[in-house]
């Protein structure tokens, strides 16, 4: 791999048909499952615990976790990312 992160790896490749150099992004197995489990745990365990330890807090932690989770799940959608990258390249 030419790059690595907690959710995947990136490899260099060459398309046979055109000879074009491309990057192939491969997601680690079960990433979506693990992220979903983490979000579930945060909502069901950490939010109530935080609220119990900080009763004066008026932050809507469930909405905060949900918003963060939505963004993170979007990052796992490589097709959506590829489309956005293509659109960005067209604008340049």
Protein backbone atom coordinates (compact mmCIF):
# COMPACT_ATOMS: atom_id res chain seq x y z
CA UNK A 1 0.00 0.00 0.00
CA UNK A 2 1.06 3.59 -0.64
CA UNK A 3 -1.14 4.87 2.17
CA UNK A 4 -2.86 3.30 5.14
CA UNK A 5 -5.41 4.40 7.71
CA UNK A 6 -7.65 2.84 10.30
CA UNK A 7 -10.45 2.17 7.80
CA UNK A 8 -8.52 1.17 4.69
CA UNK A 9 -5.48 1.17 2.45
CA UNK A 10 -4.61 2.79 -0.87
CA UNK A 11 -2.71 1.02 -3.65
CA UNK A 12 -1.28 2.29 -6.93
CA UNK A 13 -2.44 0.55 -10.10
CA UNK A 14 -2.36 0.93 -13.87
CA UNK A 15 -5.43 0.38 -16.02
CA UNK A 16 -4.70 -2.23 -18.69
CA UNK A 17 -6.99 -0.66 -21.27
CA UNK A 18 -5.55 2.87 -21.15
CA UNK A 19 -2.32 2.70 -19.18
CA UNK A 20 -3.73 5.36 -16.86
CA UNK A 21 -2.31 5.39 -13.34
CA UNK A 22 -4.98 5.19 -10.66
CA UNK A 23 -5.34 4.80 -6.92
CA UNK A 24 -7.33 1.85 -5.57
CA UNK A 25 -8.84 2.41 -2.15
CA UNK A 26 -9.66 -0.78 -0.25
CA UNK A 27 -11.76 -0.73 2.90
CA UNK A 28 -10.78 -3.00 5.75
CA UNK A 29 -13.18 -5.89 6.40
CA UNK A 30 -16.12 -5.24 8.75
CA UNK A 31 -15.39 -1.52 9.08
CA UNK A 32 -19.05 -0.54 8.69
CA UNK A 33 -20.09 -3.15 11.27
CA UNK A 34 -17.46 -1.94 13.73
CA UNK A 35 -18.36 1.73 13.26
CA UNK A 36 -22.05 0.94 13.74
CA UNK A 37 -21.24 -0.96 16.92
CA UNK A 38 -19.10 1.92 18.22
CA UNK A 39 -21.90 4.41 17.56
CA UNK A 40 -24.44 2.15 19.26
CA UNK A 41 -22.19 1.85 22.31
CA UNK A 42 -21.69 5.61 22.48
CA UNK A 43 -25.43 6.26 22.29
CA UNK A 44 -26.50 3.57 24.76
CA UNK A 45 -23.65 3.60 27.28
CA UNK A 46 -21.53 6.72 27.09
CA UNK A 47 -24.27 9.31 26.63
CA UNK A 48 -26.27 8.18 29.70
CA UNK A 49 -23.06 7.86 31.73
CA UNK A 50 -21.92 11.35 30.76
CA UNK A 51 -25.36 12.77 31.56
CA UNK A 52 -25.34 11.06 34.95
CA UNK A 53 -21.86 12.40 35.78
CA UNK A 54 -22.62 15.87 34.37
CA UNK A 55 -26.27 16.61 35.17
CA UNK A 56 -25.71 20.34 34.57
CA UNK A 57 -24.84 19.71 30.91
CA UNK A 58 -27.48 20.88 28.46
CA UNK A 59 -25.84 19.41 25.35
CA UNK A 60 -27.96 17.10 23.21
CA UNK A 61 -25.36 14.35 23.12
CA UNK A 62 -27.51 11.87 21.19
CA UNK A 63 -27.84 14.38 18.35
CA UNK A 64 -24.14 15.12 18.56
CA UNK A 65 -23.25 11.41 18.30
CA UNK A 66 -25.76 10.99 15.46
CA UNK A 67 -24.31 13.92 13.50
CA UNK A 68 -20.77 12.67 14.01
CA UNK A 69 -21.85 9.17 13.04
CA UNK A 70 -23.56 10.35 9.86
CA UNK A 71 -20.37 12.09 8.78
CA UNK A 72 -18.28 9.07 9.57
CA UNK A 73 -20.62 6.70 7.72
CA UNK A 74 -20.48 9.04 4.72
CA UNK A 75 -16.68 8.69 4.77
CA UNK A 76 -17.12 4.93 4.38
CA UNK A 77 -19.09 5.33 1.14
CA UNK A 78 -16.25 5.08 -1.39
CA UNK A 79 -18.62 5.36 -4.36
CA UNK A 80 -19.91 8.68 -3.06
CA UNK A 81 -16.33 9.81 -2.50
CA UNK A 82 -15.34 8.79 -6.05
CA UNK A 83 -18.25 10.75 -7.51
CA UNK A 84 -17.32 13.84 -5.48
CA UNK A 85 -13.68 13.50 -6.58
CA UNK A 86 -14.74 13.25 -10.23
CA UNK A 87 -16.95 16.31 -9.91
CA UNK A 88 -14.14 18.23 -8.23
CA UNK A 89 -11.72 17.29 -11.02
CA UNK A 90 -14.22 18.54 -13.65
CA UNK A 91 -14.39 21.94 -11.94
CA UNK A 92 -10.64 22.46 -12.11
